[in-house]
N, C-alpha and C. Protein backbone atom coordinates (compact mmCIF):
# COMPACT_ATOMS: atom_id res chain seq x y z
N MET A 1 -16.88 4.22 -14.34
CA MET A 1 -16.71 5.27 -13.64
C MET A 1 -14.92 4.71 -13.70
N ASN A 2 -14.11 6.08 -13.73
CA ASN A 2 -12.65 5.69 -13.48
C ASN A 2 -11.87 5.87 -12.08
N ALA A 3 -11.40 4.35 -11.88
CA ALA A 3 -11.21 3.69 -10.71
C ALA A 3 -10.69 4.98 -9.94
N LEU A 4 -9.55 5.57 -10.46
CA LEU A 4 -8.65 6.99 -9.73
C LEU A 4 -9.69 7.58 -9.61
N ALA A 5 -10.84 8.11 -10.18
CA ALA A 5 -11.55 9.07 -10.08
C ALA A 5 -12.76 8.80 -8.96
N GLN A 6 -12.81 7.69 -8.92
CA GLN A 6 -13.96 6.91 -7.89
C GLN A 6 -13.52 6.88 -6.61
N TYR A 7 -11.90 6.01 -6.57
CA TYR A 7 -11.15 6.49 -5.09
C TYR A 7 -10.83 7.46 -4.89
N GLY A 8 -10.45 8.71 -5.54
CA GLY A 8 -10.59 9.56 -5.46
C GLY A 8 -11.51 10.62 -4.45
N ALA A 9 -12.89 10.41 -5.16
CA ALA A 9 -14.42 10.83 -4.44
C ALA A 9 -14.43 10.16 -3.59
N VAL A 10 -13.86 8.64 -3.02
CA VAL A 10 -14.15 7.92 -1.71
C VAL A 10 -13.38 8.82 -0.42
N LEU A 11 -12.03 8.94 -0.88
CA LEU A 11 -11.07 9.76 -0.12
C LEU A 11 -11.30 11.31 0.53
N ARG A 12 -12.32 11.96 -0.48
CA ARG A 12 -12.88 13.00 -0.08
C ARG A 12 -13.95 12.73 1.17
N GLN A 13 -14.81 12.14 0.69
CA GLN A 13 -15.94 11.94 2.02
C GLN A 13 -15.19 11.35 2.76
N ALA A 14 -13.88 10.23 2.71
CA ALA A 14 -14.06 10.31 4.34
C ALA A 14 -13.27 11.08 5.22
N ALA A 15 -12.33 11.73 4.16
CA ALA A 15 -11.27 12.73 4.80
C ALA A 15 -12.28 13.91 5.77
N ALA A 16 -13.78 13.76 5.13
CA ALA A 16 -14.83 15.29 5.12
C ALA A 16 -15.59 14.73 6.91
N GLY A 17 -15.45 13.45 6.89
CA GLY A 17 -15.85 12.35 7.82
C GLY A 17 -17.21 11.99 7.94
N HIS A 18 -17.48 11.92 6.27
CA HIS A 18 -18.96 11.10 6.26
C HIS A 18 -18.62 9.89 5.90
N PRO A 19 -19.79 8.57 6.43
CA PRO A 19 -19.30 7.51 6.47
C PRO A 19 -19.48 6.96 4.73
N THR A 20 -18.40 6.26 4.85
CA THR A 20 -18.09 5.71 3.52
C THR A 20 -17.90 4.56 3.35
N ARG A 21 -18.87 3.64 2.40
CA ARG A 21 -18.06 2.09 2.21
C ARG A 21 -17.80 2.19 0.70
N LEU A 22 -16.65 1.25 0.62
CA LEU A 22 -15.58 0.88 0.15
C LEU A 22 -15.40 -0.79 -0.22
N ASP A 23 -15.82 -1.61 -1.02
CA ASP A 23 -15.59 -2.82 -1.20
C ASP A 23 -14.85 -3.10 -2.64
N LEU A 24 -13.64 -3.89 -2.84
CA LEU A 24 -12.56 -4.34 -3.53
C LEU A 24 -13.27 -5.67 -3.92
N VAL A 25 -14.23 -6.13 -5.63
CA VAL A 25 -15.20 -7.12 -5.75
C VAL A 25 -14.34 -7.30 -7.11
N ASP A 26 -14.51 -9.03 -7.48
CA ASP A 26 -14.33 -9.49 -8.76
C ASP A 26 -15.24 -9.71 -9.51
N PRO A 27 -15.01 -8.64 -10.58
CA PRO A 27 -15.51 -8.34 -11.84
C PRO A 27 -16.77 -9.73 -12.25
N ALA A 28 -15.78 -10.90 -12.78
CA ALA A 28 -16.16 -12.11 -12.69
C ALA A 28 -16.92 -13.42 -11.57
N ALA A 29 -16.79 -12.13 -10.57
CA ALA A 29 -17.86 -12.71 -9.33
C ALA A 29 -17.36 -14.05 -8.90
N THR A 30 -16.15 -14.35 -8.70
CA THR A 30 -15.68 -15.63 -8.59
C THR A 30 -14.73 -15.81 -6.76
N ARG A 31 -14.26 -14.69 -6.82
CA ARG A 31 -13.90 -14.18 -5.07
C ARG A 31 -14.94 -13.36 -4.39
N PRO A 32 -14.83 -13.55 -3.47
CA PRO A 32 -16.09 -12.45 -2.38
C PRO A 32 -15.38 -10.90 -2.32
N ALA A 33 -16.32 -10.23 -1.99
CA ALA A 33 -16.26 -9.14 -2.02
C ALA A 33 -15.01 -8.59 -0.75
N ARG A 34 -14.37 -7.82 -0.82
CA ARG A 34 -13.57 -7.36 0.15
C ARG A 34 -13.53 -6.16 0.78
N ARG A 35 -14.11 -5.63 2.03
CA ARG A 35 -14.08 -4.06 2.62
C ARG A 35 -12.84 -3.45 2.59
N LEU A 36 -13.39 -2.66 2.35
CA LEU A 36 -11.94 -1.58 2.38
C LEU A 36 -12.08 -0.38 3.21
N ALA A 37 -11.15 0.14 3.98
CA ALA A 37 -11.23 0.98 4.95
C ALA A 37 -10.51 2.43 4.78
N PRO A 38 -11.01 3.06 3.91
CA PRO A 38 -10.99 4.82 3.54
C PRO A 38 -10.96 5.54 4.54
N GLN A 39 -12.00 4.98 6.24
CA GLN A 39 -11.75 6.20 7.19
C GLN A 39 -10.54 5.51 7.86
N ARG A 40 -10.02 4.52 7.66
CA ARG A 40 -8.59 3.98 8.43
C ARG A 40 -7.52 4.61 7.77
N TRP A 41 -7.56 4.91 6.58
CA TRP A 41 -6.56 5.47 5.64
C TRP A 41 -6.38 7.17 5.51
N CYS A 42 -7.39 7.50 6.28
CA CYS A 42 -7.74 9.09 6.44
C CYS A 42 -7.01 9.05 7.82
N ALA A 43 -7.08 8.06 8.55
CA ALA A 43 -6.93 8.50 9.99
C ALA A 43 -5.46 9.27 10.24
N ASP A 44 -5.41 9.16 11.50
CA ASP A 44 -3.65 9.50 12.37
C ASP A 44 -2.71 8.73 12.04
N ARG A 45 -3.37 8.18 13.27
CA ARG A 45 -2.49 6.18 13.43
C ARG A 45 -3.85 5.05 13.64
N THR A 46 -3.44 3.86 12.73
CA THR A 46 -4.28 3.10 13.14
C THR A 46 -3.65 1.14 13.96
N PRO A 47 -4.41 0.50 14.55
CA PRO A 47 -3.89 -0.46 14.93
C PRO A 47 -2.72 -1.07 14.33
N GLY A 48 -1.59 -0.86 14.41
CA GLY A 48 -1.03 -2.52 13.55
C GLY A 48 0.12 -0.92 13.02
N ASP A 49 0.24 0.00 12.94
CA ASP A 49 0.82 0.98 11.93
C ASP A 49 2.52 0.92 13.33
N ALA A 50 2.23 0.95 14.61
CA ALA A 50 3.49 1.13 15.43
C ALA A 50 4.34 0.23 14.97
N SER A 51 4.34 -0.88 15.03
CA SER A 51 4.98 -1.47 14.87
C SER A 51 5.61 -1.58 13.31
N LEU A 52 4.88 -0.97 12.25
CA LEU A 52 5.71 -1.31 11.07
C LEU A 52 6.41 0.03 11.22
N LEU A 53 6.06 1.35 11.87
CA LEU A 53 6.69 2.80 11.71
C LEU A 53 7.86 2.37 12.49
N ALA A 54 8.02 1.51 13.62
CA ALA A 54 9.24 1.37 14.39
C ALA A 54 10.60 0.56 13.41
N ARG A 55 10.54 0.11 12.85
CA ARG A 55 11.48 -0.57 11.48
C ARG A 55 11.65 0.00 10.08
N CYS A 56 11.40 1.44 10.27
CA CYS A 56 11.42 2.87 9.73
C CYS A 56 12.46 3.36 10.21
N THR A 57 13.70 3.01 9.82
CA THR A 57 15.04 3.91 10.83
C THR A 57 15.63 4.66 9.97
N GLY A 58 15.88 4.95 8.86
CA GLY A 58 15.98 5.48 7.85
C GLY A 58 14.88 5.73 6.88
N PRO A 59 15.41 6.83 5.85
CA PRO A 59 14.96 7.02 4.61
C PRO A 59 13.86 6.28 3.79
N THR A 60 12.67 6.43 4.06
CA THR A 60 11.54 5.28 3.85
C THR A 60 10.67 5.83 2.55
N LEU A 61 10.56 5.19 1.87
CA LEU A 61 9.28 5.53 0.86
C LEU A 61 8.06 4.58 0.93
N ASP A 62 6.88 5.69 1.09
CA ASP A 62 5.69 4.85 1.10
C ASP A 62 5.24 4.73 -0.38
N VAL A 63 5.10 3.62 -1.47
CA VAL A 63 4.34 3.56 -2.19
C VAL A 63 2.85 2.91 -2.26
N GLY A 64 1.77 3.87 -2.69
CA GLY A 64 0.28 3.71 -2.60
C GLY A 64 0.52 4.07 -1.48
N CYS A 65 0.97 5.58 -0.97
CA CYS A 65 0.88 6.61 0.26
C CYS A 65 -0.71 6.35 0.56
N GLY A 66 -1.51 6.67 -0.16
CA GLY A 66 -2.45 7.16 0.02
C GLY A 66 -3.18 8.42 0.85
N PRO A 67 -3.74 8.93 1.61
CA PRO A 67 -3.59 10.27 2.52
C PRO A 67 -2.36 10.47 3.34
N GLY A 68 -1.67 9.69 3.29
CA GLY A 68 -0.40 9.94 4.06
C GLY A 68 -0.08 9.36 5.54
N ARG A 69 -0.87 9.07 5.97
CA ARG A 69 -0.73 8.80 7.52
C ARG A 69 0.56 8.10 7.93
N LEU A 70 1.15 7.20 6.80
CA LEU A 70 2.17 6.37 7.60
C LEU A 70 3.43 7.87 7.10
N VAL A 71 4.16 8.64 6.10
CA VAL A 71 4.37 9.30 5.73
C VAL A 71 4.69 10.63 6.31
N ALA A 72 3.36 11.14 6.96
CA ALA A 72 3.06 12.13 7.78
C ALA A 72 3.64 11.63 9.41
N ALA A 73 3.58 10.58 9.86
CA ALA A 73 4.07 9.80 11.14
C ALA A 73 5.42 9.75 11.45
N LEU A 74 5.97 9.55 10.19
CA LEU A 74 7.69 9.10 10.13
C LEU A 74 8.20 10.62 10.22
N THR A 75 7.97 11.55 9.38
CA THR A 75 7.88 12.86 9.22
C THR A 75 8.01 13.56 10.56
N THR A 76 7.00 13.74 10.99
CA THR A 76 6.51 13.83 12.44
C THR A 76 8.03 13.94 13.61
N SER A 77 8.27 12.13 13.35
CA SER A 77 9.35 11.49 13.95
C SER A 77 10.78 12.06 13.72
N GLY A 78 10.90 12.71 12.62
CA GLY A 78 12.17 12.89 12.38
C GLY A 78 12.72 12.14 11.52
N VAL A 79 12.02 11.03 10.46
CA VAL A 79 12.43 10.10 9.44
C VAL A 79 11.98 10.70 8.61
N PRO A 80 12.82 10.97 7.71
CA PRO A 80 12.85 11.24 5.75
C PRO A 80 11.97 10.21 5.21
N ALA A 81 11.02 10.56 4.83
CA ALA A 81 9.91 9.96 4.16
C ALA A 81 9.31 10.71 3.11
N LEU A 82 9.26 9.83 2.43
CA LEU A 82 8.42 10.88 1.05
C LEU A 82 7.23 9.58 0.08
N GLY A 83 6.03 9.75 0.39
CA GLY A 83 5.14 9.44 -0.54
C GLY A 83 4.91 9.15 -1.60
N VAL A 84 4.14 7.60 -2.65
CA VAL A 84 3.69 7.87 -4.42
C VAL A 84 2.52 7.51 -4.15
N ASP A 85 1.78 8.24 -5.19
CA ASP A 85 0.53 7.64 -5.42
C ASP A 85 0.34 8.22 -7.15
N ILE A 86 -0.38 7.26 -7.39
CA ILE A 86 -1.32 7.50 -8.65
C ILE A 86 -2.55 8.64 -8.35
N CYS A 87 -3.04 8.92 -7.56
CA CYS A 87 -4.27 9.30 -7.47
C CYS A 87 -3.54 10.89 -6.77
N ALA A 88 -4.31 12.03 -7.71
CA ALA A 88 -3.90 12.95 -7.24
C ALA A 88 -5.02 13.73 -5.95
N GLU A 89 -6.03 12.87 -5.56
CA GLU A 89 -6.78 13.62 -4.16
C GLU A 89 -5.77 12.89 -3.26
N ALA A 90 -5.51 11.73 -3.26
CA ALA A 90 -4.68 11.64 -2.66
C ALA A 90 -3.69 11.72 -1.96
N VAL A 91 -2.79 12.33 -3.36
CA VAL A 91 -1.23 13.05 -2.68
C VAL A 91 -1.95 14.52 -2.20
N ARG A 92 -3.07 14.81 -2.78
CA ARG A 92 -3.18 16.43 -1.93
C ARG A 92 -3.48 16.13 -0.50
N GLN A 93 -4.18 15.19 -0.45
CA GLN A 93 -4.38 14.90 1.11
C GLN A 93 -3.31 15.04 1.81
N ALA A 94 -2.45 14.32 1.34
CA ALA A 94 -1.16 13.83 2.27
C ALA A 94 -0.15 15.39 2.64
N ARG A 95 -0.21 16.08 1.39
CA ARG A 95 0.08 17.28 1.62
C ARG A 95 0.09 17.51 2.41
N LEU A 96 -1.76 18.19 2.96
CA LEU A 96 -2.25 18.92 3.30
C LEU A 96 -2.13 18.57 5.19
N ARG A 97 -1.48 17.04 4.71
CA ARG A 97 -1.48 16.83 6.58
C ARG A 97 0.21 16.85 6.26
N GLY A 98 0.89 17.50 6.07
CA GLY A 98 2.22 17.70 6.10
C GLY A 98 3.31 16.75 5.62
N ALA A 99 2.83 15.41 4.75
CA ALA A 99 3.45 14.59 4.22
C ALA A 99 4.33 14.80 2.77
N PRO A 100 5.21 14.93 2.88
CA PRO A 100 5.79 15.10 1.67
C PRO A 100 5.39 13.89 0.25
N ALA A 101 5.19 14.25 -0.37
CA ALA A 101 4.16 13.55 -1.43
C ALA A 101 4.42 13.66 -2.86
N GLN A 102 4.34 12.57 -4.05
CA GLN A 102 4.86 12.98 -5.22
C GLN A 102 3.81 12.02 -5.76
N ARG A 103 3.21 13.02 -7.07
CA ARG A 103 2.13 11.93 -7.89
C ARG A 103 3.18 10.93 -8.65
N ALA A 104 3.23 10.13 -8.69
CA ALA A 104 3.68 9.00 -9.62
C ALA A 104 3.27 7.71 -9.63
N CYS A 105 3.65 6.82 -10.47
CA CYS A 105 3.63 5.85 -10.60
C CYS A 105 5.10 4.98 -10.22
N VAL A 106 4.78 3.88 -9.52
CA VAL A 106 6.03 3.38 -8.98
C VAL A 106 7.02 2.48 -9.92
N PHE A 107 6.50 2.30 -11.11
CA PHE A 107 7.18 1.71 -12.31
C PHE A 107 7.71 3.09 -13.31
N GLY A 108 7.64 4.26 -12.35
CA GLY A 108 7.99 4.80 -13.56
C GLY A 108 9.11 5.94 -12.56
N PRO A 109 9.13 6.90 -12.93
CA PRO A 109 10.67 7.94 -11.99
C PRO A 109 10.16 7.98 -10.95
N VAL A 110 10.98 7.62 -10.17
CA VAL A 110 10.62 8.18 -8.62
C VAL A 110 11.50 8.73 -7.99
N ALA A 111 11.81 9.59 -6.88
CA ALA A 111 12.52 10.43 -6.75
C ALA A 111 13.24 9.37 -5.50
N GLY A 112 14.67 10.09 -5.39
CA GLY A 112 15.60 9.45 -4.89
C GLY A 112 15.70 7.42 -5.04
N GLU A 113 15.61 7.70 -6.18
CA GLU A 113 15.77 6.03 -6.83
C GLU A 113 16.99 5.30 -6.50
N GLY A 114 16.85 4.27 -5.45
CA GLY A 114 18.52 3.55 -5.53
C GLY A 114 18.92 4.09 -4.12
N ARG A 115 18.22 5.06 -3.38
CA ARG A 115 18.84 5.72 -1.99
C ARG A 115 17.81 5.57 -0.94
N TRP A 116 16.81 4.77 -1.27
CA TRP A 116 16.36 4.81 -0.06
C TRP A 116 16.36 3.20 0.59
N ARG A 117 16.61 3.55 1.92
CA ARG A 117 16.51 2.45 3.46
C ARG A 117 15.54 1.53 3.53
N HIS A 118 14.43 1.78 3.30
CA HIS A 118 12.98 1.28 3.54
C HIS A 118 12.21 1.55 2.05
N VAL A 119 11.16 0.57 1.85
CA VAL A 119 10.31 0.72 0.75
C VAL A 119 9.17 0.04 1.65
N LEU A 120 7.78 0.72 1.86
CA LEU A 120 6.88 0.33 2.33
C LEU A 120 5.64 0.03 1.41
N LEU A 121 4.99 -1.32 1.81
CA LEU A 121 4.06 -1.84 0.78
C LEU A 121 2.89 -2.18 1.60
N ALA A 122 2.09 -1.10 2.48
CA ALA A 122 1.20 -1.05 3.54
C ALA A 122 -0.45 -1.40 2.51
N ASP A 123 -1.07 -2.06 3.67
CA ASP A 123 -2.50 -1.74 3.52
C ASP A 123 -2.94 -1.98 1.80
N GLY A 124 -2.29 -3.65 2.06
CA GLY A 124 -2.68 -4.35 0.38
C GLY A 124 -1.88 -3.73 -0.13
N ASN A 125 -1.53 -3.11 -0.66
CA ASN A 125 -0.35 -2.51 -1.81
C ASN A 125 0.72 -2.89 -2.53
N ILE A 126 0.90 -4.49 -1.93
CA ILE A 126 1.58 -5.55 -2.39
C ILE A 126 0.34 -6.47 -4.11
N GLY A 127 -0.21 -5.57 -3.95
CA GLY A 127 -1.26 -5.72 -5.25
C GLY A 127 -1.11 -4.55 -6.55
N ILE A 128 -0.61 -3.56 -5.87
CA ILE A 128 -0.92 -2.87 -7.14
C ILE A 128 0.43 -3.45 -8.38
N GLY A 129 -0.68 -2.98 -9.73
CA GLY A 129 -0.50 -3.77 -10.44
C GLY A 129 -1.04 -5.11 -11.01
N GLY A 130 -1.37 -5.82 -10.31
CA GLY A 130 -1.41 -7.11 -10.28
C GLY A 130 -0.17 -8.31 -10.62
N ASP A 131 0.73 -7.60 -10.50
CA ASP A 131 2.01 -8.99 -10.22
C ASP A 131 3.11 -8.22 -9.63
N PRO A 132 2.74 -8.93 -8.15
CA PRO A 132 3.55 -8.70 -7.39
C PRO A 132 4.71 -9.21 -7.44
N HIS A 133 5.39 -9.96 -8.03
CA HIS A 133 6.71 -10.22 -8.62
C HIS A 133 7.22 -8.91 -9.24
N ARG A 134 6.54 -8.61 -10.25
CA ARG A 134 7.16 -7.43 -10.71
C ARG A 134 7.33 -6.29 -9.88
N LEU A 135 6.25 -5.94 -8.95
CA LEU A 135 6.16 -4.98 -7.78
C LEU A 135 7.78 -5.27 -7.08
N LEU A 136 7.71 -6.28 -6.48
CA LEU A 136 8.84 -6.53 -5.60
C LEU A 136 10.04 -5.98 -6.64
N ARG A 137 10.25 -6.77 -8.01
CA ARG A 137 11.72 -6.49 -8.32
C ARG A 137 11.98 -4.78 -8.83
N ARG A 138 10.90 -4.33 -8.85
CA ARG A 138 11.05 -2.90 -8.99
C ARG A 138 11.34 -1.84 -7.44
N CYS A 139 10.82 -2.54 -6.91
CA CYS A 139 11.06 -1.70 -5.29
C CYS A 139 12.41 -2.06 -4.75
N ARG A 140 12.92 -3.67 -5.32
CA ARG A 140 14.30 -3.65 -4.90
C ARG A 140 14.99 -2.40 -5.74
N GLN A 141 14.82 -2.09 -7.00
CA GLN A 141 15.83 -1.21 -7.49
C GLN A 141 15.79 0.45 -6.97
N LEU A 142 14.89 0.45 -6.28
CA LEU A 142 14.48 1.82 -5.19
C LEU A 142 14.96 2.00 -4.19
N LEU A 143 16.02 0.35 -3.74
CA LEU A 143 16.56 0.14 -2.72
C LEU A 143 17.89 1.16 -2.65
N ALA A 144 18.65 1.39 -1.56
CA ALA A 144 19.73 1.32 -1.21
C ALA A 144 20.51 -0.05 -0.77
N PRO A 145 21.50 -0.24 -1.00
CA PRO A 145 22.34 -1.25 -0.47
C PRO A 145 22.21 -1.11 0.67
N GLY A 146 21.54 -2.46 1.05
CA GLY A 146 21.51 -3.41 2.66
C GLY A 146 20.23 -2.43 2.59
N GLY A 147 18.94 -2.28 1.94
CA GLY A 147 17.97 -1.46 2.27
C GLY A 147 16.91 -2.94 2.48
N ASP A 148 15.68 -2.67 2.72
CA ASP A 148 14.67 -3.67 2.77
C ASP A 148 13.53 -3.03 2.44
N ILE A 149 11.89 -4.09 2.47
CA ILE A 149 10.69 -3.69 1.57
C ILE A 149 10.23 -4.88 2.85
N LEU A 150 9.45 -3.44 3.46
CA LEU A 150 8.13 -4.02 4.45
C LEU A 150 7.10 -3.93 3.78
N VAL A 151 6.68 -5.12 3.86
CA VAL A 151 5.40 -5.95 3.22
C VAL A 151 4.24 -5.89 4.16
N GLU A 152 3.13 -5.38 4.18
CA GLU A 152 2.03 -5.87 4.60
C GLU A 152 0.86 -7.04 3.85
N VAL A 153 0.64 -8.01 4.27
CA VAL A 153 0.15 -9.39 3.63
C VAL A 153 -1.32 -10.25 4.08
N ASP A 154 -2.11 -10.31 3.18
CA ASP A 154 -2.94 -11.01 4.21
C ASP A 154 -2.77 -12.23 4.69
N PRO A 155 -3.59 -12.65 6.27
CA PRO A 155 -3.64 -13.89 6.63
C PRO A 155 -3.24 -15.23 6.56
N PRO A 156 -2.43 -15.97 6.97
CA PRO A 156 -2.03 -17.43 6.48
C PRO A 156 -3.50 -17.88 6.40
N GLY A 157 -3.72 -18.61 5.19
CA GLY A 157 -5.03 -19.27 4.43
C GLY A 157 -5.77 -19.00 4.02
N SER A 158 -5.60 -17.65 3.65
CA SER A 158 -6.68 -16.90 2.85
C SER A 158 -6.61 -16.75 1.59
N GLY A 159 -5.80 -17.23 1.04
CA GLY A 159 -5.27 -17.52 -0.43
C GLY A 159 -4.83 -16.06 -0.89
N SER A 160 -3.71 -16.12 -1.89
CA SER A 160 -3.32 -15.45 -2.88
C SER A 160 -3.87 -15.51 -4.47
N TRP A 161 -3.98 -14.45 -5.20
CA TRP A 161 -4.83 -14.07 -6.43
C TRP A 161 -4.14 -12.92 -7.39
N ARG A 162 -4.48 -12.98 -8.39
CA ARG A 162 -3.85 -11.95 -9.46
C ARG A 162 -5.32 -11.98 -10.13
N GLY A 163 -5.35 -10.77 -10.81
CA GLY A 163 -6.52 -10.91 -11.92
C GLY A 163 -7.46 -9.29 -11.39
N LEU A 164 -8.44 -9.34 -12.26
CA LEU A 164 -8.78 -8.07 -12.58
C LEU A 164 -9.86 -7.84 -10.90
N ALA A 165 -10.03 -6.67 -10.84
CA ALA A 165 -10.83 -5.83 -9.29
C ALA A 165 -11.54 -4.84 -10.00
N ALA A 166 -12.26 -4.87 -9.06
CA ALA A 166 -13.01 -3.43 -9.24
C ALA A 166 -13.43 -2.92 -7.79
N LEU A 167 -13.17 -1.60 -8.07
CA LEU A 167 -13.99 -0.73 -6.20
C LEU A 167 -15.73 -0.29 -6.73
N ARG A 168 -16.07 -0.95 -5.43
CA ARG A 168 -17.47 -0.69 -5.41
C ARG A 168 -18.15 0.22 -4.19
N ASP A 169 -18.70 1.77 -4.59
CA ASP A 169 -18.92 2.16 -3.53
C ASP A 169 -20.62 2.21 -3.12
N GLU A 170 -21.30 2.55 -2.74
CA GLU A 170 -22.75 2.69 -2.74
C GLU A 170 -23.40 2.42 -3.42
N ASP A 171 -22.55 3.91 -4.40
CA ASP A 171 -23.62 4.18 -5.72
C ASP A 171 -23.63 3.12 -7.25
N ARG A 172 -22.07 2.52 -6.63
CA ARG A 172 -21.67 2.18 -8.46
C ARG A 172 -20.20 1.52 -8.71
N THR A 173 -20.29 0.61 -9.12
CA THR A 173 -19.52 -0.17 -9.61
C THR A 173 -18.38 0.00 -10.77
N GLY A 174 -16.90 0.45 -10.43
CA GLY A 174 -16.22 1.18 -11.07
C GLY A 174 -15.67 0.43 -12.30
N HIS A 175 -14.39 1.13 -13.20
CA HIS A 175 -14.13 0.12 -14.06
C HIS A 175 -13.12 -0.89 -13.52
N PRO A 176 -13.14 -2.08 -14.53
CA PRO A 176 -11.83 -2.89 -13.62
C PRO A 176 -10.07 -2.66 -13.64
N PHE A 177 -9.32 -2.76 -12.69
CA PHE A 177 -8.25 -3.08 -13.23
C PHE A 177 -7.45 -3.89 -12.60
N PRO A 178 -6.36 -4.16 -12.81
CA PRO A 178 -5.32 -5.58 -12.42
C PRO A 178 -5.14 -5.09 -11.20
N TRP A 179 -5.05 -6.23 -10.42
CA TRP A 179 -4.91 -6.17 -8.62
C TRP A 179 -4.50 -7.29 -8.39
N ALA A 180 -4.12 -7.41 -7.07
CA ALA A 180 -3.42 -8.84 -6.51
C ALA A 180 -3.51 -8.74 -4.98
N ALA A 181 -3.64 -10.14 -4.63
CA ALA A 181 -3.31 -10.29 -2.92
C ALA A 181 -2.41 -11.42 -2.84
N VAL A 182 -1.86 -11.44 -1.51
CA VAL A 182 -0.26 -12.35 -1.18
C VAL A 182 -1.08 -12.80 -0.03
N ALA A 183 -1.13 -14.10 0.72
CA ALA A 183 -1.25 -14.48 1.80
C ALA A 183 0.12 -14.45 2.14
N ALA A 184 0.17 -14.54 3.88
CA ALA A 184 1.22 -14.72 4.24
C ALA A 184 1.92 -16.09 3.95
N ASP A 185 1.28 -17.44 4.57
CA ASP A 185 2.22 -18.29 3.78
C ASP A 185 2.96 -18.38 2.29
N ASP A 186 2.59 -17.64 1.51
CA ASP A 186 2.69 -17.38 0.00
C ASP A 186 3.86 -16.61 -0.68
N LEU A 187 4.43 -15.76 0.86
CA LEU A 187 5.24 -14.38 0.71
C LEU A 187 6.54 -15.48 0.46
N ALA A 188 6.92 -16.08 0.92
CA ALA A 188 8.53 -16.80 1.06
C ALA A 188 8.40 -17.14 -0.16
N THR A 189 7.79 -17.91 -0.93
CA THR A 189 8.02 -18.43 -2.45
C THR A 189 8.02 -16.71 -3.20
N LEU A 190 7.33 -15.69 -3.33
CA LEU A 190 6.84 -14.87 -3.79
C LEU A 190 8.29 -13.75 -3.49
N ALA A 191 8.96 -14.05 -2.94
CA ALA A 191 10.22 -13.01 -2.03
C ALA A 191 11.40 -14.02 -2.81
N ARG A 192 11.46 -15.07 -2.63
CA ARG A 192 12.08 -16.38 -3.37
C ARG A 192 12.60 -15.61 -4.95
N ASP A 193 11.63 -15.57 -5.31
CA ASP A 193 11.33 -15.90 -6.95
C ASP A 193 11.78 -13.95 -7.67
N SER A 194 11.73 -13.35 -6.39
CA SER A 194 11.70 -12.23 -6.72
C SER A 194 13.84 -11.65 -6.17
N ALA A 195 14.12 -12.66 -6.07
CA ALA A 195 15.59 -12.59 -5.72
C ALA A 195 15.86 -11.86 -4.14
N LEU A 196 14.41 -12.23 -3.55
CA LEU A 196 14.92 -11.63 -1.26
C LEU A 196 14.68 -12.74 -1.19
N SER A 197 15.21 -12.54 0.33
CA SER A 197 14.46 -12.95 1.92
C SER A 197 13.71 -12.73 2.41
N THR A 198 12.77 -13.27 3.58
CA THR A 198 11.93 -12.69 4.43
C THR A 198 12.92 -13.28 5.72
N VAL A 199 12.74 -11.97 6.24
CA VAL A 199 14.23 -11.97 6.97
C VAL A 199 13.33 -11.59 8.54
N ASP A 200 12.12 -11.41 8.68
CA ASP A 200 11.21 -11.19 9.72
C ASP A 200 9.78 -10.90 9.36
N THR A 201 8.98 -11.60 10.30
CA THR A 201 7.82 -11.46 10.23
C THR A 201 7.02 -11.15 11.82
N TRP A 202 5.79 -10.81 11.54
CA TRP A 202 5.18 -10.19 12.98
C TRP A 202 3.86 -9.75 12.51
N THR A 203 2.97 -9.70 13.59
CA THR A 203 1.42 -9.71 13.29
C THR A 203 1.69 -8.59 14.65
N GLU A 204 0.40 -7.77 14.33
CA GLU A 204 0.23 -6.29 15.25
C GLU A 204 -1.44 -6.28 15.21
N ALA A 205 -2.39 -5.95 15.42
CA ALA A 205 -3.66 -6.13 15.09
C ALA A 205 -4.20 -6.84 14.21
N ARG A 206 -4.33 -7.83 14.49
CA ARG A 206 -4.54 -8.63 13.26
C ARG A 206 -4.26 -8.12 12.12
N ARG A 207 -2.92 -7.85 11.74
CA ARG A 207 -2.37 -7.45 10.87
C ARG A 207 -1.20 -8.07 10.60
N CYS A 208 -0.60 -8.53 9.01
CA CYS A 208 0.45 -9.86 8.82
C CYS A 208 1.17 -8.51 8.26
N PHE A 209 2.39 -8.81 8.71
CA PHE A 209 3.80 -7.57 8.16
C PHE A 209 5.24 -8.66 8.02
N ALA A 210 6.27 -8.65 7.03
CA ALA A 210 6.93 -8.99 6.93
C ALA A 210 8.06 -8.04 6.26
N ARG A 211 9.44 -8.57 6.76
CA ARG A 211 10.54 -7.45 6.42
C ARG A 211 11.74 -8.21 5.53
N LEU A 212 11.33 -8.09 4.13
CA LEU A 212 12.31 -8.68 2.88
C LEU A 212 13.21 -8.21 2.38
N ALA A 213 14.59 -8.86 2.11
CA ALA A 213 15.52 -8.06 1.85
C ALA A 213 16.96 -8.73 1.10
């Protein structure tokens, strides 16, 4: 099954309040499956969001916004924000909750390019495209001078990887797509190789974050 269609179907279930199970799996079975949290993505706020949102003090772009919980929270608090996502269902849900959202790929044209104070890569979205170096370089292009990238990473010692992944729900495993994961103890090297520096790191609710500039 096409991964975007599968992801959209799971989001519809989660938004309707139905129990959902979604895992990120390795088609070659060399990495353990990773449990994903569509119910959390569809919530209004989740543990760990507060410290991330508090650092968004100006126009903010949420890359891979999903159902738009972070964009909606920022907009409600008066911070200009936009979400971008390639999944039509995710963008539909974001707009329904009042979050401005654009259906777009971050590697293509994005509204406000070069004028964003902050770019968010939350909920594992450092993996988008399967190449974190390329993604961070692209996010740099989206920033205004003096802007920063707020990124969520995996815990130290969990191991970074790049390769193919697939979504597995209760009924099926979808088609593979390129993805990646970055552990907190590998982020400094990744940032340096992407012409960025790590200026702040923190944890909240067992989630790990960093600010790159």
